[in-house]
Amino acid sequence: MKKLLYVFASVAFLTSCVPIRIAPSISDYNVTKGKKFKRSLSKRQMFIFEDPKEANDFYNYVNTKYDLQHIDVYDNVPFKINEEQYFFSFYEVKIPDKAINFFPFVTSVLFNAAIGNFEDAEIEDPTMDRKDNWYLAIEVYSDLEKDCLEINSLSREVVLKYLRTLKKEYLSTHNYNEIVFKN
C-alpha cells in the first residue's frame, strides 16, 4: 500500500506544475515601500493596487483627467487637496507567476522507456508556465514633503483618501479607450 501511495505521489508531482514564484494578491490596495514590492521602484512609500485593465488605460485616464496633453503623464502630475499642491508619479509594474510544468518531460521519458529508445531519444525539457499580473504603484510628494505616504507624514490621511477615490474612479470607468479617443 505504501509503494502504491509513493508511486501515486511521484506521478502527481511530476505531472503537475510546481510554482516557483507567486505574485502578490492585493484585495484593495497596499501602502508599502516601493523597493520592498519590486526592486526597480524607489524607496518611497507607494499606494499599490492590482490593475485589471488593459495596458495604458491608467495613462489615458490620468492624461485626460488632468488634461496633460501627453506631457509628463508618468511624472510630476499636479493635483490639489484643500488648496495644497501635491504631485504624483505612477509606475505600471508587471510581476509574473512562474511554475515549472514537468508533464512534457515525464511523458517523453515514459514514451522513450516504453519503446526502449534512449540513445536517439529527444527528451523534452520541463516547460516554464507564466501568467503576468499587473499593478499600479503611485508615489506622492509635495514641495513641503518628499514622501506624503510615509507613516509620520502630515498629509498622509488626506492623500490616502484622494488616492482611494482616484483608484475607485479609474476602476469604475468602463470602455475608457473609446471615451478617450472620442474627445
N, C-alpha and C. Protein backbone atom coordinates (compact mmCIF):
# COMPACT_ATOMS: atom_id res chain seq x y z
N MET A 1 0.82 -1.20 0.00
CA MET A 1 0.00 0.00 0.00
C MET A 1 0.86 1.26 0.00
N LYS A 2 1.97 1.25 0.78
CA LYS A 2 2.86 2.40 0.83
C LYS A 2 3.51 2.63 -0.52
N LYS A 3 3.88 1.54 -1.22
CA LYS A 3 4.51 1.69 -2.54
C LYS A 3 3.54 2.33 -3.53
N LEU A 4 2.29 1.92 -3.47
CA LEU A 4 1.28 2.49 -4.36
C LEU A 4 1.09 3.98 -4.08
N LEU A 5 1.06 4.35 -2.82
CA LEU A 5 0.94 5.75 -2.44
C LEU A 5 2.16 6.54 -2.91
N TYR A 6 3.35 5.97 -2.77
CA TYR A 6 4.58 6.61 -3.21
C TYR A 6 4.56 6.83 -4.72
N VAL A 7 4.15 5.81 -5.48
CA VAL A 7 4.08 5.92 -6.93
C VAL A 7 3.05 6.98 -7.32
N PHE A 8 1.90 6.96 -6.68
CA PHE A 8 0.86 7.94 -6.98
C PHE A 8 1.35 9.36 -6.69
N ALA A 9 1.99 9.57 -5.56
CA ALA A 9 2.51 10.89 -5.20
C ALA A 9 3.59 11.34 -6.18
N SER A 10 4.46 10.43 -6.60
CA SER A 10 5.51 10.76 -7.56
C SER A 10 4.92 11.15 -8.90
N VAL A 11 3.95 10.40 -9.38
CA VAL A 11 3.31 10.71 -10.66
C VAL A 11 2.57 12.05 -10.56
N ALA A 12 1.89 12.27 -9.47
CA ALA A 12 1.17 13.53 -9.29
C ALA A 12 2.13 14.71 -9.29
N PHE A 13 3.26 14.57 -8.63
CA PHE A 13 4.26 15.65 -8.58
C PHE A 13 4.85 15.90 -9.96
N LEU A 14 5.24 14.86 -10.64
CA LEU A 14 5.92 15.02 -11.91
C LEU A 14 4.99 15.43 -13.05
N THR A 15 3.71 15.24 -12.91
CA THR A 15 2.79 15.65 -13.97
C THR A 15 2.07 16.96 -13.64
N SER A 16 2.47 17.60 -12.58
CA SER A 16 1.81 18.84 -12.21
C SER A 16 2.76 20.03 -12.37
N CYS A 17 2.21 21.20 -12.22
CA CYS A 17 3.01 22.42 -12.24
C CYS A 17 3.48 22.73 -10.82
N VAL A 18 4.75 23.05 -10.69
CA VAL A 18 5.31 23.39 -9.40
C VAL A 18 5.56 24.89 -9.40
N PRO A 19 4.86 25.64 -8.53
CA PRO A 19 5.04 27.10 -8.53
C PRO A 19 6.43 27.49 -8.05
N ILE A 20 7.04 28.41 -8.77
CA ILE A 20 8.34 28.95 -8.39
C ILE A 20 8.18 30.33 -7.78
N ARG A 21 7.31 31.14 -8.39
CA ARG A 21 7.02 32.47 -7.85
C ARG A 21 5.53 32.74 -8.03
N ILE A 22 4.93 33.25 -6.96
CA ILE A 22 3.52 33.62 -7.00
C ILE A 22 3.43 35.12 -6.72
N ALA A 23 2.82 35.85 -7.65
CA ALA A 23 2.67 37.29 -7.49
C ALA A 23 1.74 37.59 -6.33
N PRO A 24 1.95 38.73 -5.68
CA PRO A 24 1.08 39.07 -4.54
C PRO A 24 -0.35 39.33 -4.98
N SER A 25 -1.26 39.00 -4.10
CA SER A 25 -2.68 39.25 -4.34
C SER A 25 -3.08 40.41 -3.43
N ILE A 26 -3.56 41.50 -4.05
CA ILE A 26 -3.94 42.68 -3.29
C ILE A 26 -5.45 42.85 -3.46
N SER A 27 -6.18 42.74 -2.36
CA SER A 27 -7.64 42.81 -2.46
C SER A 27 -8.13 44.24 -2.72
N ASP A 28 -7.56 45.23 -2.06
CA ASP A 28 -7.96 46.62 -2.28
C ASP A 28 -6.72 47.43 -2.69
N TYR A 29 -5.86 47.74 -1.73
CA TYR A 29 -4.61 48.43 -2.00
C TYR A 29 -3.65 48.18 -0.85
N ASN A 30 -2.38 48.41 -1.10
CA ASN A 30 -1.34 48.34 -0.07
C ASN A 30 -0.55 49.64 -0.11
N VAL A 31 -0.08 50.07 1.03
CA VAL A 31 0.89 51.15 1.09
C VAL A 31 2.16 50.54 1.65
N THR A 32 3.19 50.52 0.83
CA THR A 32 4.45 49.90 1.22
C THR A 32 5.59 50.58 0.48
N LYS A 33 6.81 50.34 0.96
CA LYS A 33 7.97 50.89 0.25
C LYS A 33 8.02 50.27 -1.14
N GLY A 34 8.27 51.11 -2.12
CA GLY A 34 8.33 50.64 -3.50
C GLY A 34 9.36 49.54 -3.69
N LYS A 35 10.56 49.72 -3.14
CA LYS A 35 11.62 48.73 -3.28
C LYS A 35 11.26 47.39 -2.66
N LYS A 36 10.44 47.41 -1.63
CA LYS A 36 10.01 46.16 -0.99
C LYS A 36 9.06 45.39 -1.90
N PHE A 37 8.25 46.12 -2.67
CA PHE A 37 7.31 45.48 -3.59
C PHE A 37 8.02 44.99 -4.85
N LYS A 38 8.86 45.84 -5.43
CA LYS A 38 9.62 45.49 -6.64
C LYS A 38 10.92 46.29 -6.59
N ARG A 39 12.04 45.62 -6.78
CA ARG A 39 13.34 46.26 -6.61
C ARG A 39 13.56 47.47 -7.50
N SER A 40 12.92 47.52 -8.65
CA SER A 40 13.15 48.62 -9.59
C SER A 40 12.44 49.91 -9.17
N LEU A 41 11.57 49.86 -8.16
CA LEU A 41 10.86 51.05 -7.70
C LEU A 41 11.69 51.83 -6.69
N SER A 42 11.26 53.05 -6.40
CA SER A 42 12.00 53.90 -5.47
C SER A 42 11.79 53.44 -4.02
N LYS A 43 12.51 54.07 -3.12
CA LYS A 43 12.41 53.74 -1.69
C LYS A 43 11.23 54.41 -1.01
N ARG A 44 10.53 55.28 -1.71
CA ARG A 44 9.38 55.97 -1.12
C ARG A 44 8.22 55.01 -0.88
N GLN A 45 7.32 55.42 0.00
CA GLN A 45 6.09 54.67 0.23
C GLN A 45 5.21 54.83 -1.00
N MET A 46 4.55 53.75 -1.39
CA MET A 46 3.72 53.79 -2.59
C MET A 46 2.35 53.19 -2.32
N PHE A 47 1.37 53.73 -2.99
CA PHE A 47 0.00 53.25 -2.99
C PHE A 47 -0.08 52.26 -4.15
N ILE A 48 -0.27 50.97 -3.84
CA ILE A 48 -0.19 49.93 -4.86
C ILE A 48 -1.50 49.16 -4.93
N PHE A 49 -1.99 48.94 -6.15
CA PHE A 49 -3.19 48.14 -6.35
C PHE A 49 -3.08 47.38 -7.66
N GLU A 50 -3.85 46.29 -7.74
CA GLU A 50 -3.86 45.48 -8.96
C GLU A 50 -4.60 46.22 -10.06
N ASP A 51 -4.06 46.13 -11.27
CA ASP A 51 -4.67 46.79 -12.43
C ASP A 51 -5.24 45.74 -13.37
N PRO A 52 -6.56 45.53 -13.34
CA PRO A 52 -7.17 44.52 -14.20
C PRO A 52 -7.41 45.00 -15.62
N LYS A 53 -7.16 46.28 -15.89
CA LYS A 53 -7.47 46.84 -17.19
C LYS A 53 -6.33 46.62 -18.19
N GLU A 54 -6.56 47.05 -19.42
CA GLU A 54 -5.58 46.90 -20.49
C GLU A 54 -4.40 47.85 -20.28
N ALA A 55 -3.30 47.54 -20.98
CA ALA A 55 -2.11 48.39 -20.91
C ALA A 55 -2.46 49.81 -21.33
N ASN A 56 -1.86 50.77 -20.68
CA ASN A 56 -2.00 52.20 -20.94
C ASN A 56 -3.36 52.78 -20.59
N ASP A 57 -4.27 52.03 -20.00
CA ASP A 57 -5.55 52.60 -19.58
C ASP A 57 -5.36 53.66 -18.49
N PHE A 58 -4.48 53.38 -17.54
CA PHE A 58 -4.27 54.36 -16.48
C PHE A 58 -3.58 55.61 -17.03
N TYR A 59 -2.66 55.43 -17.95
CA TYR A 59 -2.01 56.56 -18.62
C TYR A 59 -3.07 57.44 -19.29
N ASN A 60 -3.96 56.82 -20.06
CA ASN A 60 -5.02 57.57 -20.74
C ASN A 60 -5.96 58.26 -19.74
N TYR A 61 -6.27 57.55 -18.67
CA TYR A 61 -7.13 58.11 -17.63
C TYR A 61 -6.49 59.35 -17.01
N VAL A 62 -5.22 59.25 -16.62
CA VAL A 62 -4.51 60.37 -16.00
C VAL A 62 -4.36 61.52 -17.00
N ASN A 63 -3.99 61.20 -18.22
CA ASN A 63 -3.80 62.22 -19.24
C ASN A 63 -5.08 63.03 -19.45
N THR A 64 -6.22 62.34 -19.51
CA THR A 64 -7.50 63.02 -19.73
C THR A 64 -7.98 63.75 -18.48
N LYS A 65 -7.92 63.09 -17.33
CA LYS A 65 -8.43 63.68 -16.09
C LYS A 65 -7.70 64.98 -15.74
N TYR A 66 -6.39 65.00 -15.91
CA TYR A 66 -5.60 66.17 -15.52
C TYR A 66 -5.24 67.05 -16.72
N ASP A 67 -5.81 66.73 -17.89
CA ASP A 67 -5.61 67.50 -19.13
C ASP A 67 -4.12 67.79 -19.35
N LEU A 68 -3.33 66.74 -19.47
CA LEU A 68 -1.88 66.87 -19.58
C LEU A 68 -1.36 66.96 -21.02
N GLN A 69 -2.21 66.72 -21.99
CA GLN A 69 -1.81 66.80 -23.41
C GLN A 69 -0.60 65.91 -23.71
N HIS A 70 -0.52 64.74 -23.05
CA HIS A 70 0.55 63.76 -23.23
C HIS A 70 1.93 64.30 -22.84
N ILE A 71 1.96 65.26 -21.91
CA ILE A 71 3.23 65.82 -21.43
C ILE A 71 3.37 65.47 -19.95
N ASP A 72 4.45 64.82 -19.59
CA ASP A 72 4.74 64.44 -18.20
C ASP A 72 3.58 63.69 -17.55
N VAL A 73 3.05 62.71 -18.25
CA VAL A 73 1.91 61.97 -17.71
C VAL A 73 2.36 61.01 -16.62
N TYR A 74 3.55 60.43 -16.73
CA TYR A 74 4.03 59.48 -15.73
C TYR A 74 4.60 60.17 -14.49
N ASP A 75 5.16 61.35 -14.65
CA ASP A 75 5.89 62.00 -13.56
C ASP A 75 5.33 63.38 -13.25
N ASN A 76 5.36 63.71 -11.97
CA ASN A 76 5.02 65.06 -11.50
C ASN A 76 3.64 65.52 -11.93
N VAL A 77 2.66 64.65 -11.83
CA VAL A 77 1.28 65.02 -12.16
C VAL A 77 0.74 65.88 -11.02
N PRO A 78 0.39 67.14 -11.31
CA PRO A 78 -0.06 68.04 -10.23
C PRO A 78 -1.53 67.83 -9.87
N PHE A 79 -1.82 67.91 -8.58
CA PHE A 79 -3.20 67.89 -8.11
C PHE A 79 -3.27 68.65 -6.79
N LYS A 80 -4.46 69.09 -6.44
CA LYS A 80 -4.63 69.88 -5.22
C LYS A 80 -5.63 69.20 -4.30
N ILE A 81 -5.33 69.30 -2.99
CA ILE A 81 -6.25 68.87 -1.94
C ILE A 81 -6.31 70.03 -0.95
N ASN A 82 -7.49 70.56 -0.73
CA ASN A 82 -7.66 71.69 0.20
C ASN A 82 -6.69 72.84 -0.11
N GLU A 83 -6.58 73.16 -1.38
CA GLU A 83 -5.73 74.26 -1.86
C GLU A 83 -4.23 74.02 -1.65
N GLU A 84 -3.84 72.82 -1.27
CA GLU A 84 -2.43 72.46 -1.15
C GLU A 84 -2.00 71.72 -2.41
N GLN A 85 -0.85 72.08 -2.96
CA GLN A 85 -0.36 71.48 -4.19
C GLN A 85 0.44 70.20 -3.88
N TYR A 86 0.10 69.12 -4.60
CA TYR A 86 0.80 67.84 -4.50
C TYR A 86 1.14 67.38 -5.91
N PHE A 87 2.01 66.37 -5.98
CA PHE A 87 2.38 65.76 -7.26
C PHE A 87 2.42 64.26 -7.07
N PHE A 88 2.08 63.52 -8.12
CA PHE A 88 2.26 62.08 -8.06
C PHE A 88 2.92 61.57 -9.33
N SER A 89 3.59 60.47 -9.16
CA SER A 89 4.17 59.72 -10.27
C SER A 89 3.64 58.31 -10.15
N PHE A 90 3.46 57.65 -11.30
CA PHE A 90 2.95 56.29 -11.23
C PHE A 90 3.80 55.37 -12.09
N TYR A 91 3.75 54.10 -11.74
CA TYR A 91 4.53 53.07 -12.42
C TYR A 91 3.63 51.87 -12.68
N GLU A 92 3.68 51.35 -13.89
CA GLU A 92 2.99 50.10 -14.20
C GLU A 92 3.99 48.99 -13.93
N VAL A 93 3.63 48.09 -13.05
CA VAL A 93 4.55 47.04 -12.60
C VAL A 93 4.00 45.68 -13.00
N LYS A 94 4.87 44.87 -13.61
CA LYS A 94 4.49 43.51 -14.00
C LYS A 94 5.23 42.53 -13.11
N ILE A 95 4.47 41.65 -12.46
CA ILE A 95 5.06 40.57 -11.67
C ILE A 95 4.42 39.27 -12.15
N PRO A 96 5.19 38.41 -12.79
CA PRO A 96 4.60 37.17 -13.30
C PRO A 96 4.55 36.07 -12.25
N ASP A 97 3.52 35.23 -12.36
CA ASP A 97 3.51 33.95 -11.65
C ASP A 97 4.35 33.01 -12.50
N LYS A 98 5.18 32.22 -11.87
CA LYS A 98 6.00 31.27 -12.63
C LYS A 98 5.83 29.87 -12.03
N ALA A 99 5.74 28.89 -12.91
CA ALA A 99 5.63 27.50 -12.48
C ALA A 99 6.34 26.62 -13.49
N ILE A 100 6.90 25.52 -13.01
CA ILE A 100 7.54 24.55 -13.90
C ILE A 100 6.55 23.42 -14.14
N ASN A 101 6.35 23.11 -15.42
CA ASN A 101 5.46 22.03 -15.81
C ASN A 101 6.32 20.82 -16.20
N PHE A 102 6.27 19.78 -15.39
CA PHE A 102 7.07 18.59 -15.64
C PHE A 102 6.41 17.61 -16.60
N PHE A 103 5.16 17.83 -16.97
CA PHE A 103 4.41 16.86 -17.78
C PHE A 103 5.10 16.52 -19.10
N PRO A 104 5.58 17.50 -19.91
CA PRO A 104 6.25 17.12 -21.16
C PRO A 104 7.50 16.26 -20.93
N PHE A 105 8.25 16.59 -19.89
CA PHE A 105 9.45 15.83 -19.57
C PHE A 105 9.10 14.39 -19.19
N VAL A 106 8.12 14.23 -18.31
CA VAL A 106 7.73 12.89 -17.84
C VAL A 106 7.18 12.06 -18.99
N THR A 107 6.33 12.65 -19.83
CA THR A 107 5.74 11.87 -20.94
C THR A 107 6.79 11.46 -21.94
N SER A 108 7.77 12.32 -22.24
CA SER A 108 8.81 11.93 -23.20
C SER A 108 9.70 10.83 -22.62
N VAL A 109 10.01 10.88 -21.32
CA VAL A 109 10.81 9.82 -20.70
C VAL A 109 10.03 8.51 -20.71
N LEU A 110 8.76 8.55 -20.33
CA LEU A 110 7.95 7.33 -20.32
C LEU A 110 7.77 6.75 -21.72
N PHE A 111 7.57 7.61 -22.72
CA PHE A 111 7.42 7.15 -24.09
C PHE A 111 8.70 6.47 -24.58
N ASN A 112 9.84 7.11 -24.34
CA ASN A 112 11.11 6.53 -24.77
C ASN A 112 11.45 5.26 -23.99
N ALA A 113 11.02 5.18 -22.73
CA ALA A 113 11.24 3.95 -21.95
C ALA A 113 10.36 2.83 -22.50
N ALA A 114 9.17 3.18 -22.93
CA ALA A 114 8.24 2.16 -23.44
C ALA A 114 8.74 1.56 -24.76
N ILE A 115 9.35 2.40 -25.59
CA ILE A 115 9.85 1.86 -26.87
C ILE A 115 11.30 1.44 -26.79
N GLY A 116 11.93 1.66 -25.63
CA GLY A 116 13.30 1.22 -25.42
C GLY A 116 14.32 2.02 -26.21
N ASN A 117 14.04 3.25 -26.49
CA ASN A 117 14.92 4.07 -27.31
C ASN A 117 15.45 5.23 -26.47
N PHE A 118 16.63 5.05 -25.87
CA PHE A 118 17.22 6.14 -25.11
C PHE A 118 18.44 6.74 -25.81
N GLU A 119 19.00 6.03 -26.78
CA GLU A 119 20.20 6.53 -27.45
C GLU A 119 19.89 7.73 -28.34
N ASP A 120 18.85 7.62 -29.14
CA ASP A 120 18.49 8.71 -30.06
C ASP A 120 17.27 9.49 -29.56
N ALA A 121 16.97 9.36 -28.29
CA ALA A 121 15.74 9.95 -27.75
C ALA A 121 15.85 11.47 -27.64
N GLU A 122 14.78 12.11 -27.99
CA GLU A 122 14.67 13.55 -27.77
C GLU A 122 13.74 13.74 -26.57
N ILE A 123 14.36 14.02 -25.44
CA ILE A 123 13.59 14.17 -24.21
C ILE A 123 13.27 15.65 -24.03
N GLU A 124 11.98 15.91 -23.85
CA GLU A 124 11.51 17.28 -23.66
C GLU A 124 12.00 17.81 -22.32
N ASP A 125 12.37 19.07 -22.29
CA ASP A 125 12.71 19.72 -21.04
C ASP A 125 11.43 20.15 -20.34
N PRO A 126 11.48 20.26 -19.01
CA PRO A 126 10.31 20.82 -18.32
C PRO A 126 10.05 22.24 -18.85
N THR A 127 8.79 22.61 -18.98
CA THR A 127 8.46 23.93 -19.51
C THR A 127 8.13 24.89 -18.38
N MET A 128 8.32 26.17 -18.67
CA MET A 128 8.03 27.22 -17.71
C MET A 128 6.71 27.87 -18.11
N ASP A 129 5.73 27.82 -17.22
CA ASP A 129 4.44 28.48 -17.46
C ASP A 129 4.47 29.84 -16.76
N ARG A 130 3.97 30.88 -17.45
CA ARG A 130 3.97 32.23 -16.89
C ARG A 130 2.58 32.85 -17.04
N LYS A 131 2.21 33.60 -16.04
CA LYS A 131 0.99 34.40 -16.09
C LYS A 131 1.34 35.76 -15.52
N ASP A 132 1.19 36.79 -16.33
CA ASP A 132 1.57 38.13 -15.90
C ASP A 132 0.47 38.76 -15.06
N ASN A 133 0.89 39.45 -14.00
CA ASN A 133 0.00 40.19 -13.12
C ASN A 133 0.46 41.65 -13.15
N TRP A 134 -0.47 42.56 -13.33
CA TRP A 134 -0.13 43.97 -13.45
C TRP A 134 -0.62 44.76 -12.24
N TYR A 135 0.20 45.71 -11.80
CA TYR A 135 -0.08 46.54 -10.65
C TYR A 135 0.21 48.00 -11.01
N LEU A 136 -0.43 48.91 -10.32
CA LEU A 136 -0.10 50.33 -10.41
C LEU A 136 0.47 50.75 -9.07
N ALA A 137 1.61 51.42 -9.12
CA ALA A 137 2.26 51.93 -7.91
C ALA A 137 2.35 53.45 -8.04
N ILE A 138 1.81 54.14 -7.06
CA ILE A 138 1.75 55.61 -7.11
C ILE A 138 2.48 56.17 -5.90
N GLU A 139 3.40 57.10 -6.17
CA GLU A 139 4.08 57.82 -5.09
C GLU A 139 3.62 59.27 -5.12
N VAL A 140 3.51 59.88 -3.94
CA VAL A 140 3.01 61.25 -3.84
C VAL A 140 4.00 62.09 -3.04
N TYR A 141 4.22 63.30 -3.50
CA TYR A 141 5.15 64.22 -2.84
C TYR A 141 4.65 65.64 -3.03
N SER A 142 5.23 66.55 -2.29
CA SER A 142 4.87 67.96 -2.40
C SER A 142 6.14 68.78 -2.22
N ASP A 143 6.00 70.10 -2.31
CA ASP A 143 7.15 70.96 -2.08
C ASP A 143 7.59 70.92 -0.61
N LEU A 144 6.67 70.55 0.28
CA LEU A 144 6.97 70.51 1.71
C LEU A 144 7.42 69.13 2.19
N GLU A 145 6.94 68.07 1.53
CA GLU A 145 7.25 66.71 1.97
C GLU A 145 7.74 65.87 0.79
N LYS A 146 8.83 65.14 1.02
CA LYS A 146 9.37 64.27 -0.03
C LYS A 146 8.50 63.03 -0.25
N ASP A 147 7.85 62.59 0.83
CA ASP A 147 7.05 61.36 0.76
C ASP A 147 5.77 61.57 1.56
N CYS A 148 4.69 61.86 0.88
CA CYS A 148 3.41 62.16 1.55
C CYS A 148 2.71 60.90 2.06
N LEU A 149 3.21 59.72 1.72
CA LEU A 149 2.59 58.48 2.19
C LEU A 149 3.37 57.85 3.34
N GLU A 150 4.46 58.48 3.75
CA GLU A 150 5.23 57.99 4.88
C GLU A 150 4.35 57.99 6.12
N ILE A 151 4.58 57.05 7.00
CA ILE A 151 3.71 56.83 8.16
C ILE A 151 3.55 58.07 9.03
N ASN A 152 4.59 58.89 9.15
CA ASN A 152 4.50 60.08 10.01
C ASN A 152 4.31 61.37 9.21
N SER A 153 3.91 61.25 7.96
CA SER A 153 3.66 62.42 7.12
C SER A 153 2.40 63.15 7.59
N LEU A 154 2.44 64.47 7.57
CA LEU A 154 1.29 65.28 8.00
C LEU A 154 0.11 65.16 7.04
N SER A 155 0.40 64.89 5.78
CA SER A 155 -0.66 64.84 4.77
C SER A 155 -1.08 63.41 4.40
N ARG A 156 -0.58 62.43 5.10
CA ARG A 156 -0.83 61.02 4.73
C ARG A 156 -2.32 60.70 4.60
N GLU A 157 -3.12 61.04 5.57
CA GLU A 157 -4.54 60.64 5.57
C GLU A 157 -5.32 61.29 4.43
N VAL A 158 -5.09 62.59 4.18
CA VAL A 158 -5.83 63.25 3.09
C VAL A 158 -5.37 62.74 1.73
N VAL A 159 -4.09 62.43 1.61
CA VAL A 159 -3.56 61.89 0.35
C VAL A 159 -4.09 60.48 0.12
N LEU A 160 -4.14 59.66 1.17
CA LEU A 160 -4.69 58.31 1.02
C LEU A 160 -6.17 58.37 0.61
N LYS A 161 -6.90 59.26 1.20
CA LYS A 161 -8.31 59.41 0.82
C LYS A 161 -8.43 59.79 -0.65
N TYR A 162 -7.60 60.71 -1.10
CA TYR A 162 -7.60 61.13 -2.50
C TYR A 162 -7.25 59.96 -3.43
N LEU A 163 -6.23 59.18 -3.06
CA LEU A 163 -5.80 58.05 -3.90
C LEU A 163 -6.84 56.94 -3.93
N ARG A 164 -7.52 56.70 -2.83
CA ARG A 164 -8.60 55.70 -2.82
C ARG A 164 -9.72 56.12 -3.77
N THR A 165 -10.05 57.41 -3.77
CA THR A 165 -11.07 57.94 -4.67
C THR A 165 -10.61 57.84 -6.13
N LEU A 166 -9.35 58.18 -6.37
CA LEU A 166 -8.78 58.09 -7.72
C LEU A 166 -8.83 56.66 -8.24
N LYS A 167 -8.44 55.71 -7.40
CA LYS A 167 -8.46 54.29 -7.77
C LYS A 167 -9.88 53.84 -8.09
N LYS A 168 -10.82 54.20 -7.23
CA LYS A 168 -12.22 53.80 -7.43
C LYS A 168 -12.76 54.38 -8.73
N GLU A 169 -12.47 55.62 -9.00
CA GLU A 169 -12.94 56.27 -10.23
C GLU A 169 -12.33 55.60 -11.46
N TYR A 170 -11.03 55.33 -11.41
CA TYR A 170 -10.34 54.68 -12.53
C TYR A 170 -10.92 53.29 -12.81
N LEU A 171 -11.09 52.50 -11.76
CA LEU A 171 -11.58 51.13 -11.95
C LEU A 171 -13.05 51.07 -12.35
N SER A 172 -13.82 52.11 -12.02
CA SER A 172 -15.24 52.09 -12.38
C SER A 172 -15.50 52.66 -13.78
N THR A 173 -14.47 53.20 -14.41
CA THR A 173 -14.61 53.74 -15.76
C THR A 173 -14.54 52.58 -16.75
N HIS A 174 -15.62 52.37 -17.51
CA HIS A 174 -15.68 51.26 -18.46
C HIS A 174 -15.41 51.77 -19.87
N ASN A 175 -14.82 50.93 -20.69
CA ASN A 175 -14.53 51.27 -22.08
C ASN A 175 -13.83 52.62 -22.17
N TYR A 176 -12.81 52.79 -21.36
CA TYR A 176 -12.15 54.08 -21.26
C TYR A 176 -11.46 54.49 -22.56
N ASN A 177 -10.88 53.55 -23.29
CA ASN A 177 -10.21 53.89 -24.54
C ASN A 177 -11.17 54.54 -25.53
N GLU A 178 -12.40 54.05 -25.60
CA GLU A 178 -13.37 54.63 -26.51
C GLU A 178 -13.71 56.06 -26.11
N ILE A 179 -13.85 56.29 -24.81
CA ILE A 179 -14.18 57.63 -24.33
C ILE A 179 -13.04 58.60 -24.62
N VAL A 180 -11.79 58.15 -24.36
CA VAL A 180 -10.62 59.00 -24.56
C VAL A 180 -10.48 59.42 -26.01
N PHE A 181 -10.66 58.48 -26.94
CA PHE A 181 -10.40 58.78 -28.33
C PHE A 181 -11.57 59.45 -29.03
N LYS A 182 -12.73 59.52 -28.40
CA LYS A 182 -13.87 60.25 -28.98
C LYS A 182 -13.69 61.74 -28.79
N ASN A 183 -13.01 62.15 -27.74
CA ASN A 183 -12.86 63.58 -27.44
C ASN A 183 -11.86 64.25 -28.34
